[in-house]
Amino acid sequence: MSNIVELSIAKAITAGLRKALTDNEKVLVFGQDIAQLGGVFRVTEGLHAEFGQKRVFNSPIAEAGIVGTAIGLAMRGYRPVAEIQFDGFIFPAFNQITSQLAKLQNRSEGYMNMPVVIRVPYGGGIGAVEHHSESPEGYFARTAGLRVLSPSNPNDAYWMIQEAIASTDPVMFFEPKRRYWQKGPVNLDAPPQPTYQARVLREGTNVTLATYGPMVATALQAAEIAAEEGTSIEVIDLRSLSPIDFGTIINSVKKTGRLVVAHEDSTNLSISSEISARITEEAFYHLEAPVLRVGGFDVPYPSAKLEEMFLPDADRILEAVDRALAY
């Protein structure tokens, strides 16, 4: 019988980090306030007490330094897991990530692996101030040399963080912070399907709805509402944003003939832009309507009082579904 426990996404990541730290003494976890405090979201809570200061430790408030340190540790044979405290804090480290971390394996002709994981709580919905509720995943998904993952449920969170740490490639691990306390079953014995494969969460026949991370729960809510009105929506959780599993999306579109892509990020030059282009290129004759996209507006993330107007909700998704069906 499988060992199944009920965990929140946050505590599933904690459990995954604990397992990785236990299994491999070269795994190190560090970032701002992640040691004794356990991080602002308490995702690393208890790990410092269990594994000690040499393996779980705080960093200065210096994101470029955090990533630079991770790169140096990887060069010396460690598997560093660095936390960027909030999504909007990642930009001081952008040069280190895109100019160094993403390129060192290629620069060394594969001689030097970069088994670095950068954990990033991302997305809105927590009522925070500027720089605390952004969606920067698109910047990194388009950067060659990086893998980009985003779990949407506790089981994926538990297994995907371990897969990321085991990878010899650098991995950007985007955690949907407003879903941190969403609970679900975690199978501690058997991993789910391959990490870089999308998953059909709900079968449907009329429209395909592809999304990831914090928007998965919203997409499932929209599909439930649509079902009550007689519309069958197939919901796909992308799980991996680089590489993207286009095969699963194409197979679904061949069945439904319509595709809506939703995420919190602006749709301008985004994950949804690439999916729209690729599906149009590779499945054009299966489409009964243009690929439609739902996302945040093309403005800087607003104040907390306005964020619910900014973030896509079930109504905005269903409006796009109605437009797709109207063609």
C-alpha atoms as a PDB file:
ATOM      1  CA  MET A   1       0.000   0.000   0.000  1.00  0.00           C
ATOM      2  CA  SER A   2       1.300   3.459  -0.903  1.00  0.00           C
ATOM      3  CA  ASN A   3       2.293   5.852   1.853  1.00  0.00           C
ATOM      4  CA  ILE A   4      -0.089   8.780   1.260  1.00  0.00           C
ATOM      5  CA  VAL A   5      -0.242  11.842   3.506  1.00  0.00           C
ATOM      6  CA  GLU A   6      -2.199  15.103   3.386  1.00  0.00           C
ATOM      7  CA  LEU A   7       0.062  18.158   3.033  1.00  0.00           C
ATOM      8  CA  SER A   8      -0.130  21.750   1.914  1.00  0.00           C
ATOM      9  CA  ILE A   9       1.994  22.805  -1.076  1.00  0.00           C
ATOM     10  CA  ALA A  10       4.351  24.650   1.292  1.00  0.00           C
ATOM     11  CA  LYS A  11       4.844  21.671   3.578  1.00  0.00           C
ATOM     12  CA  ALA A  12       5.159  19.304   0.611  1.00  0.00           C
ATOM     13  CA  ILE A  13       8.110  21.407  -0.564  1.00  0.00           C
ATOM     14  CA  THR A  14       9.509  21.286   2.984  1.00  0.00           C
ATOM     15  CA  ALA A  15       9.221  17.507   2.936  1.00  0.00           C
ATOM     16  CA  GLY A  16      10.860  17.318  -0.492  1.00  0.00           C
ATOM     17  CA  LEU A  17      13.760  19.493   0.668  1.00  0.00           C
ATOM     18  CA  ARG A  18      14.141  17.356   3.796  1.00  0.00           C
ATOM     19  CA  LYS A  19      14.282  14.180   1.684  1.00  0.00           C
ATOM     20  CA  ALA A  20      16.894  15.691  -0.646  1.00  0.00           C
ATOM     21  CA  LEU A  21      19.009  16.908   2.291  1.00  0.00           C
ATOM     22  CA  THR A  22      18.808  13.458   3.871  1.00  0.00           C
ATOM     23  CA  ASP A  23      19.663  11.547   0.710  1.00  0.00           C
ATOM     24  CA  ASN A  24      22.605  13.682  -0.451  1.00  0.00           C
ATOM     25  CA  GLU A  25      25.026  15.456   1.879  1.00  0.00           C
ATOM     26  CA  LYS A  26      26.044  17.766  -0.976  1.00  0.00           C
ATOM     27  CA  VAL A  27      22.612  19.466  -0.950  1.00  0.00           C
ATOM     28  CA  LEU A  28      22.688  22.911   0.687  1.00  0.00           C
ATOM     29  CA  VAL A  29      19.715  25.220   1.287  1.00  0.00           C
ATOM     30  CA  PHE A  30      20.139  28.952   1.790  1.00  0.00           C
ATOM     31  CA  GLY A  31      18.522  32.360   1.297  1.00  0.00           C
ATOM     32  CA  GLN A  32      17.218  35.357   3.213  1.00  0.00           C
ATOM     33  CA  ASP A  33      15.819  34.375   6.640  1.00  0.00           C
ATOM     34  CA  ILE A  34      15.404  30.719   5.655  1.00  0.00           C
ATOM     35  CA  ALA A  35      17.355  29.205   8.566  1.00  0.00           C
ATOM     36  CA  GLN A  36      16.038  29.758  12.120  1.00  0.00           C
ATOM     37  CA  LEU A  37      12.935  31.632  10.884  1.00  0.00           C
ATOM     38  CA  GLY A  38      12.133  29.110   8.176  1.00  0.00           C
ATOM     39  CA  GLY A  39      11.567  31.760   5.502  1.00  0.00           C
ATOM     40  CA  VAL A  40       8.783  34.324   5.301  1.00  0.00           C
ATOM     41  CA  PHE A  41       6.374  31.577   4.194  1.00  0.00           C
ATOM     42  CA  ARG A  42       7.883  28.999   6.602  1.00  0.00           C
ATOM     43  CA  VAL A  43       8.698  26.649   3.717  1.00  0.00           C
ATOM     44  CA  THR A  44      12.121  25.792   5.200  1.00  0.00           C
ATOM     45  CA  GLU A  45      10.829  25.627   8.770  1.00  0.00           C
ATOM     46  CA  GLY A  46      12.638  23.056  10.903  1.00  0.00           C
ATOM     47  CA  LEU A  47      15.380  22.256   8.372  1.00  0.00           C
ATOM     48  CA  HIS A  48      18.041  24.365  10.113  1.00  0.00           C
ATOM     49  CA  ALA A  49      17.451  22.638  13.436  1.00  0.00           C
ATOM     50  CA  GLU A  50      17.561  19.235  11.760  1.00  0.00           C
ATOM     51  CA  PHE A  51      20.550  19.638   9.427  1.00  0.00           C
ATOM     52  CA  GLY A  52      22.571  22.394  11.042  1.00  0.00           C
ATOM     53  CA  GLN A  53      24.132  25.711  10.116  1.00  0.00           C
ATOM     54  CA  LYS A  54      26.549  24.305   7.539  1.00  0.00           C
ATOM     55  CA  ARG A  55      23.759  22.929   5.331  1.00  0.00           C
ATOM     56  CA  VAL A  56      20.846  25.308   5.937  1.00  0.00           C
ATOM     57  CA  PHE A  57      21.893  28.919   6.377  1.00  0.00           C
ATOM     58  CA  ASN A  58      20.891  32.535   5.916  1.00  0.00           C
ATOM     59  CA  SER A  59      22.281  34.805   3.232  1.00  0.00           C
ATOM     60  CA  PRO A  60      22.740  38.574   3.107  1.00  0.00           C
ATOM     61  CA  ILE A  61      20.052  40.667   1.417  1.00  0.00           C
ATOM     62  CA  ALA A  62      21.893  40.473  -1.886  1.00  0.00           C
ATOM     63  CA  GLU A  63      20.231  38.430  -4.633  1.00  0.00           C
ATOM     64  CA  ALA A  64      23.168  38.657  -7.058  1.00  0.00           C
ATOM     65  CA  GLY A  65      25.358  37.368  -4.256  1.00  0.00           C
ATOM     66  CA  ILE A  66      22.942  34.535  -3.477  1.00  0.00           C
ATOM     67  CA  VAL A  67      23.011  33.252  -7.066  1.00  0.00           C
ATOM     68  CA  GLY A  68      26.746  33.900  -7.441  1.00  0.00           C
ATOM     69  CA  THR A  69      27.357  31.866  -4.295  1.00  0.00           C
ATOM     70  CA  ALA A  70      25.177  29.057  -5.650  1.00  0.00           C
ATOM     71  CA  ILE A  71      27.189  29.002  -8.880  1.00  0.00           C
ATOM     72  CA  GLY A  72      30.453  28.805  -6.938  1.00  0.00           C
ATOM     73  CA  LEU A  73      29.132  26.008  -4.745  1.00  0.00           C
ATOM     74  CA  ALA A  74      28.029  24.048  -7.818  1.00  0.00           C
ATOM     75  CA  MET A  75      31.530  24.425  -9.260  1.00  0.00           C
ATOM     76  CA  ARG A  76      32.857  22.782  -6.090  1.00  0.00           C
ATOM     77  CA  GLY A  77      30.529  19.790  -6.363  1.00  0.00           C
ATOM     78  CA  TYR A  78      27.610  20.886  -4.186  1.00  0.00           C
ATOM     79  CA  ARG A  79      23.914  20.965  -5.070  1.00  0.00           C
ATOM     80  CA  PRO A  80      22.767  24.366  -3.817  1.00  0.00           C
ATOM     81  CA  VAL A  81      19.105  25.276  -3.412  1.00  0.00           C
ATOM     82  CA  ALA A  82      18.830  29.059  -3.206  1.00  0.00           C
ATOM     83  CA  GLU A  83      15.649  30.889  -2.270  1.00  0.00           C
ATOM     84  CA  ILE A  84      14.772  34.294  -3.674  1.00  0.00           C
ATOM     85  CA  GLN A  85      12.447  35.601  -0.970  1.00  0.00           C
ATOM     86  CA  PHE A  86       9.904  37.189  -3.348  1.00  0.00           C
ATOM     87  CA  ASP A  87       9.462  37.119  -7.117  1.00  0.00           C
ATOM     88  CA  GLY A  88      10.139  40.841  -7.596  1.00  0.00           C
ATOM     89  CA  PHE A  89      13.464  40.542  -5.772  1.00  0.00           C
ATOM     90  CA  ILE A  90      14.951  38.336  -8.475  1.00  0.00           C
ATOM     91  CA  PHE A  91      15.969  41.102 -10.858  1.00  0.00           C
ATOM     92  CA  PRO A  92      19.215  42.099  -9.072  1.00  0.00           C
ATOM     93  CA  ALA A  93      20.272  38.474  -9.771  1.00  0.00           C
ATOM     94  CA  PHE A  94      19.116  38.526 -13.402  1.00  0.00           C
ATOM     95  CA  ASN A  95      22.617  38.974 -14.797  1.00  0.00           C
ATOM     96  CA  GLN A  96      24.031  36.114 -12.730  1.00  0.00           C
ATOM     97  CA  ILE A  97      21.195  33.819 -13.805  1.00  0.00           C
ATOM     98  CA  THR A  98      21.046  34.599 -17.509  1.00  0.00           C
ATOM     99  CA  SER A  99      24.700  35.453 -18.237  1.00  0.00           C
ATOM    100  CA  GLN A 100      26.422  32.910 -15.996  1.00  0.00           C
ATOM    101  CA  LEU A 101      24.209  30.177 -14.550  1.00  0.00           C
ATOM    102  CA  ALA A 102      22.379  29.463 -17.809  1.00  0.00           C
ATOM    103  CA  LYS A 103      25.549  29.429 -19.908  1.00  0.00           C
ATOM    104  CA  LEU A 104      28.313  27.783 -17.883  1.00  0.00           C
ATOM    105  CA  GLN A 105      27.575  24.215 -18.979  1.00  0.00           C
ATOM    106  CA  ASN A 106      27.642  25.225 -22.628  1.00  0.00           C
ATOM    107  CA  ARG A 107      30.654  27.484 -22.100  1.00  0.00           C
ATOM    108  CA  SER A 108      32.609  24.574 -20.623  1.00  0.00           C
ATOM    109  CA  GLU A 109      31.433  22.181 -23.374  1.00  0.00           C
ATOM    110  CA  GLY A 110      29.614  20.124 -20.756  1.00  0.00           C
ATOM    111  CA  TYR A 111      32.635  19.714 -18.504  1.00  0.00           C
ATOM    112  CA  MET A 112      31.039  21.774 -15.734  1.00  0.00           C
ATOM    113  CA  ASN A 113      27.533  20.877 -14.554  1.00  0.00           C
ATOM    114  CA  MET A 114      25.373  23.478 -12.831  1.00  0.00           C
ATOM    115  CA  PRO A 115      23.048  21.553 -10.465  1.00  0.00           C
ATOM    116  CA  VAL A 116      21.576  24.745  -9.008  1.00  0.00           C
ATOM    117  CA  VAL A 117      17.940  25.178  -7.978  1.00  0.00           C
ATOM    118  CA  ILE A 118      16.549  28.678  -7.496  1.00  0.00           C
ATOM    119  CA  ARG A 119      13.279  28.669  -5.582  1.00  0.00           C
ATOM    120  CA  VAL A 120      10.997  31.613  -6.324  1.00  0.00           C
ATOM    121  CA  PRO A 121       7.627  32.236  -4.605  1.00  0.00           C
ATOM    122  CA  TYR A 122       5.681  33.981  -7.363  1.00  0.00           C
ATOM    123  CA  GLY A 123       2.317  35.376  -8.410  1.00  0.00           C
ATOM    124  CA  GLY A 124      -0.275  37.588  -6.776  1.00  0.00           C
ATOM    125  CA  GLY A 125      -3.260  37.217  -4.524  1.00  0.00           C
ATOM    126  CA  ILE A 126      -1.619  37.857  -1.136  1.00  0.00           C
ATOM    127  CA  GLY A 127      -2.351  41.582  -0.762  1.00  0.00           C
ATOM    128  CA  ALA A 128       1.299  42.591  -0.772  1.00  0.00           C
ATOM    129  CA  VAL A 129       3.144  45.750  -1.760  1.00  0.00           C
ATOM    130  CA  GLU A 130       5.209  46.379  -4.884  1.00  0.00           C
ATOM    131  CA  HIS A 131       7.834  43.751  -5.855  1.00  0.00           C
ATOM    132  CA  HIS A 132       6.053  41.050  -3.846  1.00  0.00           C
ATOM    133  CA  SER A 133       3.473  39.796  -6.367  1.00  0.00           C
ATOM    134  CA  GLU A 134       5.004  39.443  -9.798  1.00  0.00           C
ATOM    135  CA  SER A 135       5.198  36.787 -12.501  1.00  0.00           C
ATOM    136  CA  PRO A 136       8.732  36.831 -13.927  1.00  0.00           C
ATOM    137  CA  GLU A 137       8.702  33.239 -15.201  1.00  0.00           C
ATOM    138  CA  GLY A 138       8.612  34.268 -18.865  1.00  0.00           C
ATOM    139  CA  TYR A 139      12.042  35.913 -18.651  1.00  0.00           C
ATOM    140  CA  PHE A 140      13.616  32.634 -17.610  1.00  0.00           C
ATOM    141  CA  ALA A 141      11.522  30.256 -19.725  1.00  0.00           C
ATOM    142  CA  ARG A 142      12.953  31.945 -22.823  1.00  0.00           C
ATOM    143  CA  THR A 143      16.537  31.752 -21.542  1.00  0.00           C
ATOM    144  CA  ALA A 144      18.384  28.846 -23.125  1.00  0.00           C
ATOM    145  CA  GLY A 145      20.167  26.670 -20.584  1.00  0.00           C
ATOM    146  CA  LEU A 146      17.565  26.900 -17.825  1.00  0.00           C
ATOM    147  CA  ARG A 147      14.797  24.487 -16.910  1.00  0.00           C
ATOM    148  CA  VAL A 148      11.677  26.111 -15.473  1.00  0.00           C
ATOM    149  CA  LEU A 149       9.138  24.263 -13.313  1.00  0.00           C
ATOM    150  CA  SER A 150       5.991  25.304 -11.470  1.00  0.00           C
ATOM    151  CA  PRO A 151       3.962  22.820  -9.388  1.00  0.00           C
ATOM    152  CA  SER A 152       0.274  23.450  -8.780  1.00  0.00           C
ATOM    153  CA  ASN A 153      -0.475  20.807  -6.141  1.00  0.00           C
ATOM    154  CA  PRO A 154       1.256  19.223  -3.140  1.00  0.00           C
ATOM    155  CA  ASN A 155       2.128  15.910  -4.802  1.00  0.00           C
ATOM    156  CA  ASP A 156       3.888  17.639  -7.673  1.00  0.00           C
ATOM    157  CA  ALA A 157       5.551  20.054  -5.257  1.00  0.00           C
ATOM    158  CA  TYR A 158       7.027  17.184  -3.226  1.00  0.00           C
ATOM    159  CA  TRP A 159       8.389  15.236  -6.166  1.00  0.00           C
ATOM    160  CA  MET A 160       9.315  18.076  -8.526  1.00  0.00           C
ATOM    161  CA  ILE A 161      11.561  19.832  -6.011  1.00  0.00           C
ATOM    162  CA  GLN A 162      13.475  16.579  -5.579  1.00  0.00           C
ATOM    163  CA  GLU A 163      13.726  16.100  -9.353  1.00  0.00           C
ATOM    164  CA  ALA A 164      14.973  19.674  -9.678  1.00  0.00           C
ATOM    165  CA  ILE A 165      17.685  19.110  -7.058  1.00  0.00           C
ATOM    166  CA  ALA A 166      18.738  15.846  -8.739  1.00  0.00           C
ATOM    167  CA  SER A 167      19.077  17.547 -12.144  1.00  0.00           C
ATOM    168  CA  THR A 168      22.517  18.392 -13.512  1.00  0.00           C
ATOM    169  CA  ASP A 169      20.954  21.431 -15.232  1.00  0.00           C
ATOM    170  CA  PRO A 170      20.051  24.687 -13.458  1.00  0.00           C
ATOM    171  CA  VAL A 171      16.364  24.785 -12.535  1.00  0.00           C
ATOM    172  CA  MET A 172      14.160  27.785 -11.806  1.00  0.00           C
ATOM    173  CA  PHE A 173      11.498  26.486  -9.415  1.00  0.00           C
ATOM    174  CA  PHE A 174       8.494  28.824  -9.308  1.00  0.00           C
ATOM    175  CA  GLU A 175       6.196  28.241  -6.331  1.00  0.00           C
ATOM    176  CA  PRO A 176       2.628  29.645  -6.443  1.00  0.00           C
ATOM    177  CA  LYS A 177       2.656  31.533  -3.176  1.00  0.00           C
ATOM    178  CA  ARG A 178      -1.077  32.214  -2.895  1.00  0.00           C
ATOM    179  CA  ARG A 179      -1.623  28.436  -3.124  1.00  0.00           C
ATOM    180  CA  TYR A 180       0.997  27.555  -0.490  1.00  0.00           C
ATOM    181  CA  TRP A 181      -1.651  26.449   2.012  1.00  0.00           C
ATOM    182  CA  GLN A 182      -3.783  24.520  -0.481  1.00  0.00           C
ATOM    183  CA  LYS A 183      -3.823  20.916   0.776  1.00  0.00           C
ATOM    184  CA  GLY A 184      -3.892  17.636  -1.085  1.00  0.00           C
ATOM    185  CA  PRO A 185      -2.668  14.030  -1.001  1.00  0.00           C
ATOM    186  CA  VAL A 186       1.037  13.323  -1.406  1.00  0.00           C
ATOM    187  CA  ASN A 187       2.207   9.839  -2.342  1.00  0.00           C
ATOM    188  CA  LEU A 188       5.563   9.528  -0.593  1.00  0.00           C
ATOM    189  CA  ASP A 189       6.382   6.236  -2.336  1.00  0.00           C
ATOM    190  CA  ALA A 190       5.641   6.734  -6.026  1.00  0.00           C
ATOM    191  CA  PRO A 191       6.383   9.823  -8.124  1.00  0.00           C
ATOM    192  CA  PRO A 192       3.757  11.071 -10.572  1.00  0.00           C
ATOM    193  CA  GLN A 193       4.318  11.153 -14.333  1.00  0.00           C
ATOM    194  CA  PRO A 194       7.634  12.521 -15.662  1.00  0.00           C
ATOM    195  CA  THR A 195       8.447  16.002 -14.403  1.00  0.00           C
ATOM    196  CA  TYR A 196       8.573  17.674 -17.805  1.00  0.00           C
ATOM    197  CA  GLN A 197       5.286  16.204 -19.039  1.00  0.00           C
ATOM    198  CA  ALA A 198       2.031  18.173 -18.906  1.00  0.00           C
ATOM    199  CA  ARG A 199      -0.983  16.566 -17.232  1.00  0.00           C
ATOM    200  CA  VAL A 200      -4.622  16.508 -18.275  1.00  0.00           C
ATOM    201  CA  LEU A 201      -6.407  17.250 -14.999  1.00  0.00           C
ATOM    202  CA  ARG A 202      -9.928  17.198 -16.389  1.00  0.00           C
ATOM    203  CA  GLU A 203     -11.121  15.564 -19.601  1.00  0.00           C
ATOM    204  CA  GLY A 204     -13.253  17.646 -21.946  1.00  0.00           C
ATOM    205  CA  THR A 205     -14.500  17.838 -25.516  1.00  0.00           C
ATOM    206  CA  ASN A 206     -15.367  21.461 -26.396  1.00  0.00           C
ATOM    207  CA  VAL A 207     -12.346  23.593 -25.447  1.00  0.00           C
ATOM    208  CA  THR A 208      -8.796  22.957 -24.186  1.00  0.00           C
ATOM    209  CA  LEU A 209      -7.695  25.208 -21.326  1.00  0.00           C
ATOM    210  CA  ALA A 210      -3.923  25.185 -20.679  1.00  0.00           C
ATOM    211  CA  THR A 211      -2.443  26.834 -17.616  1.00  0.00           C
ATOM    212  CA  TYR A 212       0.059  26.363 -14.803  1.00  0.00           C
ATOM    213  CA  GLY A 213       0.952  27.196 -11.196  1.00  0.00           C
ATOM    214  CA  PRO A 214      -1.455  29.478  -9.336  1.00  0.00           C
ATOM    215  CA  MET A 215      -3.990  29.562 -12.194  1.00  0.00           C
ATOM    216  CA  VAL A 216      -4.664  25.819 -12.183  1.00  0.00           C
ATOM    217  CA  ALA A 217      -7.186  26.072  -9.332  1.00  0.00           C
ATOM    218  CA  THR A 218      -8.903  28.966 -11.145  1.00  0.00           C
ATOM    219  CA  ALA A 219      -9.029  26.970 -14.379  1.00  0.00           C
ATOM    220  CA  LEU A 220     -10.624  23.991 -12.642  1.00  0.00           C
ATOM    221  CA  GLN A 221     -13.177  26.320 -11.064  1.00  0.00           C
ATOM    222  CA  ALA A 222     -14.000  27.745 -14.503  1.00  0.00           C
ATOM    223  CA  ALA A 223     -14.369  24.238 -15.939  1.00  0.00           C
ATOM    224  CA  GLU A 224     -16.767  23.297 -13.146  1.00  0.00           C
ATOM    225  CA  ILE A 225     -18.934  26.359 -13.816  1.00  0.00           C
ATOM    226  CA  ALA A 226     -18.869  25.686 -17.561  1.00  0.00           C
ATOM    227  CA  ALA A 227     -19.955  22.073 -17.035  1.00  0.00           C
ATOM    228  CA  GLU A 228     -23.085  23.288 -15.248  1.00  0.00           C
ATOM    229  CA  GLU A 229     -23.875  25.295 -18.384  1.00  0.00           C
ATOM    230  CA  GLY A 230     -23.260  22.369 -20.737  1.00  0.00           C
ATOM    231  CA  THR A 231     -19.725  23.238 -21.902  1.00  0.00           C
ATOM    232  CA  SER A 232     -16.992  20.609 -21.572  1.00  0.00           C
ATOM    233  CA  ILE A 233     -13.529  22.069 -20.884  1.00  0.00           C
ATOM    234  CA  GLU A 234     -10.367  19.985 -20.902  1.00  0.00           C
ATOM    235  CA  VAL A 235      -7.903  21.403 -18.355  1.00  0.00           C
ATOM    236  CA  ILE A 236      -4.158  20.911 -18.826  1.00  0.00           C
ATOM    237  CA  ASP A 237      -1.570  21.687 -16.142  1.00  0.00           C
ATOM    238  CA  LEU A 238       1.660  22.460 -18.015  1.00  0.00           C
ATOM    239  CA  ARG A 239       3.865  21.802 -14.941  1.00  0.00           C
ATOM    240  CA  SER A 240       7.023  22.535 -16.930  1.00  0.00           C
ATOM    241  CA  LEU A 241       7.478  25.927 -18.613  1.00  0.00           C
ATOM    242  CA  SER A 242      10.836  25.062 -20.148  1.00  0.00           C
ATOM    243  CA  PRO A 243      10.689  22.694 -21.837  1.00  0.00           C
ATOM    244  CA  ILE A 244       6.959  22.888 -22.610  1.00  0.00           C
ATOM    245  CA  ASP A 245       5.220  19.617 -23.428  1.00  0.00           C
ATOM    246  CA  PHE A 246       3.550  20.707 -26.667  1.00  0.00           C
ATOM    247  CA  GLY A 247       2.598  17.129 -27.545  1.00  0.00           C
ATOM    248  CA  THR A 248      -0.012  16.911 -24.780  1.00  0.00           C
ATOM    249  CA  ILE A 249      -1.499  20.269 -25.804  1.00  0.00           C
ATOM    250  CA  ILE A 250      -1.622  19.318 -29.494  1.00  0.00           C
ATOM    251  CA  ASN A 251      -3.294  15.981 -28.770  1.00  0.00           C
ATOM    252  CA  SER A 252      -5.946  17.796 -26.753  1.00  0.00           C
ATOM    253  CA  VAL A 253      -6.492  20.446 -29.438  1.00  0.00           C
ATOM    254  CA  LYS A 254      -6.958  17.702 -32.041  1.00  0.00           C
ATOM    255  CA  LYS A 255      -9.888  16.535 -29.932  1.00  0.00           C
ATOM    256  CA  THR A 256     -11.461  19.861 -28.935  1.00  0.00           C
ATOM    257  CA  GLY A 257     -10.523  22.143 -31.835  1.00  0.00           C
ATOM    258  CA  ARG A 258     -10.133  25.133 -29.524  1.00  0.00           C
ATOM    259  CA  LEU A 259      -7.468  26.376 -27.107  1.00  0.00           C
ATOM    260  CA  VAL A 260      -7.447  29.001 -24.360  1.00  0.00           C
ATOM    261  CA  VAL A 261      -4.189  29.664 -22.468  1.00  0.00           C
ATOM    262  CA  ALA A 262      -4.345  31.372 -19.070  1.00  0.00           C
ATOM    263  CA  HIS A 263      -1.746  32.695 -16.644  1.00  0.00           C
ATOM    264  CA  GLU A 264      -1.264  35.601 -14.216  1.00  0.00           C
ATOM    265  CA  ASP A 265       1.562  37.143 -16.239  1.00  0.00           C
ATOM    266  CA  SER A 266       0.811  39.689 -18.950  1.00  0.00           C
ATOM    267  CA  THR A 267       0.050  38.005 -22.277  1.00  0.00           C
ATOM    268  CA  ASN A 268       2.500  40.297 -24.082  1.00  0.00           C
ATOM    269  CA  LEU A 269       5.614  38.269 -25.078  1.00  0.00           C
ATOM    270  CA  SER A 270       4.705  35.531 -22.632  1.00  0.00           C
ATOM    271  CA  ILE A 271       4.383  31.770 -22.132  1.00  0.00           C
ATOM    272  CA  SER A 272       0.954  32.018 -23.756  1.00  0.00           C
ATOM    273  CA  SER A 273       2.447  33.858 -26.736  1.00  0.00           C
ATOM    274  CA  GLU A 274       4.788  30.948 -27.445  1.00  0.00           C
ATOM    275  CA  ILE A 275       2.086  28.325 -26.957  1.00  0.00           C
ATOM    276  CA  SER A 276      -0.251  30.227 -29.276  1.00  0.00           C
ATOM    277  CA  ALA A 277       2.431  30.479 -31.963  1.00  0.00           C
ATOM    278  CA  ARG A 278       3.496  26.834 -31.724  1.00  0.00           C
ATOM    279  CA  ILE A 279      -0.039  25.436 -31.732  1.00  0.00           C
ATOM    280  CA  THR A 280      -0.911  27.633 -34.707  1.00  0.00           C
ATOM    281  CA  GLU A 281       2.191  26.311 -36.514  1.00  0.00           C
ATOM    282  CA  GLU A 282       1.758  22.652 -35.639  1.00  0.00           C
ATOM    283  CA  ALA A 283      -1.993  22.129 -35.292  1.00  0.00           C
ATOM    284  CA  PHE A 284      -3.487  24.843 -37.506  1.00  0.00           C
ATOM    285  CA  TYR A 285      -5.816  22.548 -39.428  1.00  0.00           C
ATOM    286  CA  HIS A 286      -7.247  21.125 -36.208  1.00  0.00           C
ATOM    287  CA  LEU A 287      -8.266  24.558 -34.890  1.00  0.00           C
ATOM    288  CA  GLU A 288     -11.866  25.709 -35.177  1.00  0.00           C
ATOM    289  CA  ALA A 289     -11.023  29.111 -33.655  1.00  0.00           C
ATOM    290  CA  PRO A 290      -7.938  31.237 -32.982  1.00  0.00           C
ATOM    291  CA  VAL A 291      -5.929  30.421 -29.865  1.00  0.00           C
ATOM    292  CA  LEU A 292      -7.117  32.862 -27.198  1.00  0.00           C
ATOM    293  CA  ARG A 293      -5.128  34.060 -24.203  1.00  0.00           C
ATOM    294  CA  VAL A 294      -6.116  35.272 -20.743  1.00  0.00           C
ATOM    295  CA  GLY A 295      -3.622  36.986 -18.462  1.00  0.00           C
ATOM    296  CA  GLY A 296      -2.775  39.978 -16.359  1.00  0.00           C
ATOM    297  CA  PHE A 297      -2.971  43.356 -18.031  1.00  0.00           C
ATOM    298  CA  ASP A 298       0.106  44.859 -19.678  1.00  0.00           C
ATOM    299  CA  VAL A 299       0.840  47.234 -16.803  1.00  0.00           C
ATOM    300  CA  PRO A 300       3.085  47.030 -13.724  1.00  0.00           C
ATOM    301  CA  TYR A 301       1.529  44.944 -10.970  1.00  0.00           C
ATOM    302  CA  PRO A 302      -1.016  47.158  -9.174  1.00  0.00           C
ATOM    303  CA  SER A 303      -1.526  47.960  -5.506  1.00  0.00           C
ATOM    304  CA  ALA A 304      -3.145  45.366  -3.273  1.00  0.00           C
ATOM    305  CA  LYS A 305      -6.538  47.081  -3.500  1.00  0.00           C
ATOM    306  CA  LEU A 306      -6.597  46.545  -7.270  1.00  0.00           C
ATOM    307  CA  GLU A 307      -4.992  43.160  -7.648  1.00  0.00           C
ATOM    308  CA  GLU A 308      -8.238  41.202  -7.819  1.00  0.00           C
ATOM    309  CA  MET A 309      -9.174  43.304 -10.850  1.00  0.00           C
ATOM    310  CA  PHE A 310      -5.760  42.597 -12.381  1.00  0.00           C
ATOM    311  CA  LEU A 311      -5.616  38.844 -11.808  1.00  0.00           C
ATOM    312  CA  PRO A 312      -7.561  36.604 -14.208  1.00  0.00           C
ATOM    313  CA  ASP A 313     -10.532  34.915 -12.587  1.00  0.00           C
ATOM    314  CA  ALA A 314     -13.024  32.256 -13.661  1.00  0.00           C
ATOM    315  CA  ASP A 315     -15.250  34.874 -15.322  1.00  0.00           C
ATOM    316  CA  ARG A 316     -12.452  36.144 -17.561  1.00  0.00           C
ATOM    317  CA  ILE A 317     -11.530  32.598 -18.530  1.00  0.00           C
ATOM    318  CA  LEU A 318     -15.148  31.729 -19.308  1.00  0.00           C
ATOM    319  CA  GLU A 319     -15.510  34.870 -21.420  1.00  0.00           C
ATOM    320  CA  ALA A 320     -12.583  33.651 -23.534  1.00  0.00           C
ATOM    321  CA  VAL A 321     -14.139  30.186 -23.735  1.00  0.00           C
ATOM    322  CA  ASP A 322     -17.395  31.743 -24.983  1.00  0.00           C
ATOM    323  CA  ARG A 323     -15.485  33.721 -27.632  1.00  0.00           C
ATOM    324  CA  ALA A 324     -13.690  30.572 -28.775  1.00  0.00           C
ATOM    325  CA  LEU A 325     -16.973  28.688 -29.079  1.00  0.00           C
ATOM    326  CA  ALA A 326     -18.590  31.573 -30.989  1.00  0.00           C
ATOM    327  CA  TYR A 327     -16.304  31.098 -34.008  1.00  0.00           C
END
